[in-house]
Amino acid sequence: VGSRALIKADDLVPAVSGASIAAKVARDTYMQQIAAEYPAYGFEKHVGYGTAAHIAALELHGVTPLHRLTYKPIIRIMEQAA
């Protein structure tokens, strides 16, 4: 039993396409939920991507417990705040 990487699997394998769609819907739903808890961050708009608006919100409001503390932009922001 083995596995192999398949480039563009979501275009080629129906199960992967379905999983990709389900994951995006779940992510978007989660982002809507946390946007209600942290309205200043715009999670409903950037859905967690490191856009300029997301970075600006982090610099202005700080890091939330939701952010990955090992992500380089987060480390930089935390170092600047210290």
N, C-alpha and C. Protein backbone atom coordinates (compact mmCIF):
# COMPACT_ATOMS: atom_id res chain seq x y z
N VAL A 1 0.86 -1.18 0.00
CA VAL A 1 0.00 0.00 0.00
C VAL A 1 0.89 1.22 0.00
N GLY A 2 0.61 2.14 -0.88
CA GLY A 2 1.40 3.35 -0.97
C GLY A 2 0.53 4.52 -1.38
N SER A 3 1.15 5.62 -1.48
CA SER A 3 0.44 6.81 -1.92
C SER A 3 1.35 7.60 -2.86
N ARG A 4 0.74 8.46 -3.62
CA ARG A 4 1.52 9.31 -4.50
C ARG A 4 0.82 10.65 -4.64
N ALA A 5 1.57 11.67 -4.87
CA ALA A 5 1.01 12.99 -5.09
C ALA A 5 0.46 13.06 -6.51
N LEU A 6 -0.67 13.73 -6.65
CA LEU A 6 -1.27 13.89 -7.95
C LEU A 6 -1.51 15.38 -8.17
N ILE A 7 -0.73 15.96 -9.05
CA ILE A 7 -0.86 17.39 -9.34
C ILE A 7 -2.23 17.65 -9.96
N LYS A 8 -2.88 18.71 -9.49
CA LYS A 8 -4.22 19.11 -9.97
C LYS A 8 -5.27 18.03 -9.70
N ALA A 9 -5.11 17.32 -8.57
CA ALA A 9 -6.04 16.24 -8.24
C ALA A 9 -7.47 16.73 -8.15
N ASP A 10 -7.69 17.96 -7.69
CA ASP A 10 -9.06 18.45 -7.58
C ASP A 10 -9.71 18.65 -8.94
N ASP A 11 -8.91 18.73 -9.99
CA ASP A 11 -9.46 18.80 -11.36
C ASP A 11 -9.68 17.41 -11.96
N LEU A 12 -9.01 16.41 -11.40
CA LEU A 12 -9.00 15.09 -12.02
C LEU A 12 -9.78 14.01 -11.27
N VAL A 13 -9.91 14.16 -9.96
CA VAL A 13 -10.52 13.10 -9.14
C VAL A 13 -11.79 13.67 -8.48
N PRO A 14 -12.95 13.14 -8.83
CA PRO A 14 -14.19 13.69 -8.27
C PRO A 14 -14.23 13.73 -6.74
N ALA A 15 -13.70 12.72 -6.08
CA ALA A 15 -13.72 12.72 -4.61
C ALA A 15 -12.87 13.87 -4.06
N VAL A 16 -11.77 14.16 -4.70
CA VAL A 16 -10.91 15.26 -4.26
C VAL A 16 -11.60 16.59 -4.54
N SER A 17 -12.27 16.71 -5.68
CA SER A 17 -13.03 17.92 -6.00
C SER A 17 -14.09 18.18 -4.93
N GLY A 18 -14.82 17.15 -4.57
CA GLY A 18 -15.85 17.28 -3.54
C GLY A 18 -15.28 17.65 -2.19
N ALA A 19 -14.16 17.04 -1.83
CA ALA A 19 -13.52 17.35 -0.56
C ALA A 19 -13.02 18.79 -0.55
N SER A 20 -12.51 19.26 -1.67
CA SER A 20 -12.02 20.63 -1.77
C SER A 20 -13.17 21.63 -1.58
N ILE A 21 -14.29 21.37 -2.21
CA ILE A 21 -15.46 22.24 -2.06
C ILE A 21 -15.96 22.22 -0.63
N ALA A 22 -16.05 21.03 -0.04
CA ALA A 22 -16.52 20.92 1.35
C ALA A 22 -15.59 21.67 2.29
N ALA A 23 -14.29 21.57 2.07
CA ALA A 23 -13.33 22.26 2.93
C ALA A 23 -13.47 23.78 2.80
N LYS A 24 -13.68 24.27 1.59
CA LYS A 24 -13.83 25.72 1.40
C LYS A 24 -15.12 26.23 2.03
N VAL A 25 -16.20 25.48 1.93
CA VAL A 25 -17.45 25.87 2.56
C VAL A 25 -17.30 25.89 4.08
N ALA A 26 -16.65 24.86 4.61
CA ALA A 26 -16.41 24.81 6.06
C ALA A 26 -15.55 25.97 6.51
N ARG A 27 -14.49 26.28 5.76
CA ARG A 27 -13.62 27.41 6.10
C ARG A 27 -14.38 28.72 6.07
N ASP A 28 -15.16 28.94 5.02
CA ASP A 28 -15.93 30.19 4.91
C ASP A 28 -16.94 30.33 6.04
N THR A 29 -17.58 29.24 6.41
CA THR A 29 -18.54 29.26 7.53
C THR A 29 -17.82 29.60 8.83
N TYR A 30 -16.67 28.99 9.06
CA TYR A 30 -15.87 29.27 10.25
C TYR A 30 -15.44 30.74 10.28
N MET A 31 -15.00 31.25 9.14
CA MET A 31 -14.55 32.64 9.07
C MET A 31 -15.69 33.61 9.38
N GLN A 32 -16.90 33.27 8.93
CA GLN A 32 -18.07 34.11 9.27
C GLN A 32 -18.30 34.10 10.78
N GLN A 33 -18.14 32.95 11.40
CA GLN A 33 -18.34 32.84 12.84
C GLN A 33 -17.31 33.64 13.62
N ILE A 34 -16.04 33.52 13.25
CA ILE A 34 -15.02 34.26 14.00
C ILE A 34 -15.04 35.74 13.67
N ALA A 35 -15.57 36.11 12.51
CA ALA A 35 -15.72 37.53 12.18
C ALA A 35 -16.69 38.19 13.15
N ALA A 36 -17.69 37.45 13.59
CA ALA A 36 -18.64 38.00 14.57
C ALA A 36 -17.97 38.20 15.93
N GLU A 37 -17.01 37.33 16.26
CA GLU A 37 -16.30 37.43 17.54
C GLU A 37 -15.19 38.47 17.50
N TYR A 38 -14.56 38.63 16.34
CA TYR A 38 -13.46 39.58 16.16
C TYR A 38 -13.75 40.49 14.95
N PRO A 39 -14.73 41.38 15.06
CA PRO A 39 -15.16 42.17 13.90
C PRO A 39 -14.10 43.10 13.32
N ALA A 40 -13.14 43.51 14.10
CA ALA A 40 -12.14 44.46 13.62
C ALA A 40 -11.14 43.84 12.64
N TYR A 41 -11.13 42.53 12.52
CA TYR A 41 -10.11 41.86 11.71
C TYR A 41 -10.54 41.56 10.28
N GLY A 42 -11.81 41.62 9.96
CA GLY A 42 -12.27 41.39 8.59
C GLY A 42 -12.14 39.96 8.09
N PHE A 43 -12.24 38.99 9.02
CA PHE A 43 -12.09 37.59 8.62
C PHE A 43 -13.07 37.18 7.52
N GLU A 44 -14.26 37.76 7.52
CA GLU A 44 -15.26 37.39 6.51
C GLU A 44 -14.84 37.83 5.11
N LYS A 45 -13.90 38.76 5.03
CA LYS A 45 -13.46 39.26 3.72
C LYS A 45 -12.21 38.53 3.22
N HIS A 46 -11.19 38.42 4.07
CA HIS A 46 -9.93 37.83 3.61
C HIS A 46 -9.83 36.33 3.92
N VAL A 47 -10.78 35.80 4.65
CA VAL A 47 -10.87 34.38 5.03
C VAL A 47 -9.54 33.77 5.46
N GLY A 48 -8.76 34.56 6.19
CA GLY A 48 -7.53 34.05 6.76
C GLY A 48 -6.28 34.23 5.92
N TYR A 49 -6.43 34.70 4.70
CA TYR A 49 -5.24 34.94 3.88
C TYR A 49 -4.53 36.20 4.36
N GLY A 50 -3.22 36.25 4.19
CA GLY A 50 -2.42 37.37 4.66
C GLY A 50 -2.47 38.58 3.75
N THR A 51 -3.67 39.10 3.54
CA THR A 51 -3.83 40.28 2.70
C THR A 51 -3.29 41.51 3.41
N ALA A 52 -3.13 42.58 2.68
CA ALA A 52 -2.68 43.84 3.28
C ALA A 52 -3.65 44.28 4.37
N ALA A 53 -4.95 44.10 4.15
CA ALA A 53 -5.95 44.49 5.15
C ALA A 53 -5.82 43.63 6.41
N HIS A 54 -5.55 42.35 6.24
CA HIS A 54 -5.39 41.46 7.39
C HIS A 54 -4.16 41.84 8.20
N ILE A 55 -3.04 42.08 7.53
CA ILE A 55 -1.82 42.49 8.21
C ILE A 55 -2.02 43.82 8.92
N ALA A 56 -2.70 44.76 8.28
CA ALA A 56 -2.97 46.06 8.90
C ALA A 56 -3.80 45.90 10.16
N ALA A 57 -4.81 45.03 10.12
CA ALA A 57 -5.64 44.79 11.31
C ALA A 57 -4.82 44.17 12.43
N LEU A 58 -3.93 43.26 12.09
CA LEU A 58 -3.06 42.65 13.10
C LEU A 58 -2.13 43.69 13.73
N GLU A 59 -1.58 44.55 12.90
CA GLU A 59 -0.69 45.59 13.42
C GLU A 59 -1.44 46.57 14.31
N LEU A 60 -2.68 46.86 13.98
CA LEU A 60 -3.49 47.81 14.75
C LEU A 60 -4.06 47.19 16.01
N HIS A 61 -4.59 45.97 15.91
CA HIS A 61 -5.33 45.35 17.02
C HIS A 61 -4.58 44.24 17.74
N GLY A 62 -3.47 43.79 17.17
CA GLY A 62 -2.71 42.72 17.79
C GLY A 62 -3.15 41.34 17.32
N VAL A 63 -2.47 40.35 17.84
CA VAL A 63 -2.69 38.95 17.48
C VAL A 63 -3.79 38.37 18.37
N THR A 64 -4.68 37.59 17.78
CA THR A 64 -5.75 36.93 18.54
C THR A 64 -5.29 35.51 18.92
N PRO A 65 -6.01 34.86 19.81
CA PRO A 65 -5.69 33.45 20.12
C PRO A 65 -5.87 32.52 18.92
N LEU A 66 -6.52 32.99 17.87
CA LEU A 66 -6.77 32.17 16.69
C LEU A 66 -5.58 32.13 15.74
N HIS A 67 -4.70 33.09 15.83
CA HIS A 67 -3.60 33.19 14.87
C HIS A 67 -2.50 32.16 15.16
N ARG A 68 -1.89 31.69 14.07
CA ARG A 68 -0.77 30.73 14.18
C ARG A 68 0.47 31.49 14.61
N LEU A 69 0.95 31.19 15.79
CA LEU A 69 2.07 31.91 16.36
C LEU A 69 3.40 31.58 15.70
N THR A 70 3.42 30.56 14.84
CA THR A 70 4.65 30.18 14.14
C THR A 70 4.71 30.79 12.74
N TYR A 71 3.70 31.54 12.34
CA TYR A 71 3.65 32.16 11.02
C TYR A 71 4.53 33.41 11.03
N LYS A 72 5.45 33.54 10.09
CA LYS A 72 6.44 34.62 10.13
C LYS A 72 5.85 36.02 10.28
N PRO A 73 4.79 36.39 9.56
CA PRO A 73 4.24 37.74 9.78
C PRO A 73 3.71 37.93 11.20
N ILE A 74 3.17 36.88 11.81
CA ILE A 74 2.68 36.96 13.18
C ILE A 74 3.85 37.14 14.15
N ILE A 75 4.92 36.39 13.92
CA ILE A 75 6.12 36.51 14.76
C ILE A 75 6.63 37.95 14.70
N ARG A 76 6.70 38.51 13.50
CA ARG A 76 7.20 39.87 13.32
C ARG A 76 6.32 40.86 14.07
N ILE A 77 5.02 40.73 13.96
CA ILE A 77 4.10 41.64 14.63
C ILE A 77 4.24 41.51 16.14
N MET A 78 4.37 40.30 16.65
CA MET A 78 4.52 40.11 18.09
C MET A 78 5.84 40.69 18.59
N GLU A 79 6.90 40.55 17.79
CA GLU A 79 8.20 41.12 18.17
C GLU A 79 8.13 42.65 18.21
N GLN A 80 7.43 43.24 17.26
CA GLN A 80 7.28 44.70 17.24
C GLN A 80 6.49 45.21 18.43
N ALA A 81 5.52 44.41 18.88
CA ALA A 81 4.68 44.81 20.00
C ALA A 81 5.39 44.68 21.33
N ALA A 82 6.43 43.84 21.37
CA ALA A 82 7.14 43.58 22.65
C ALA A 82 8.03 44.73 23.07
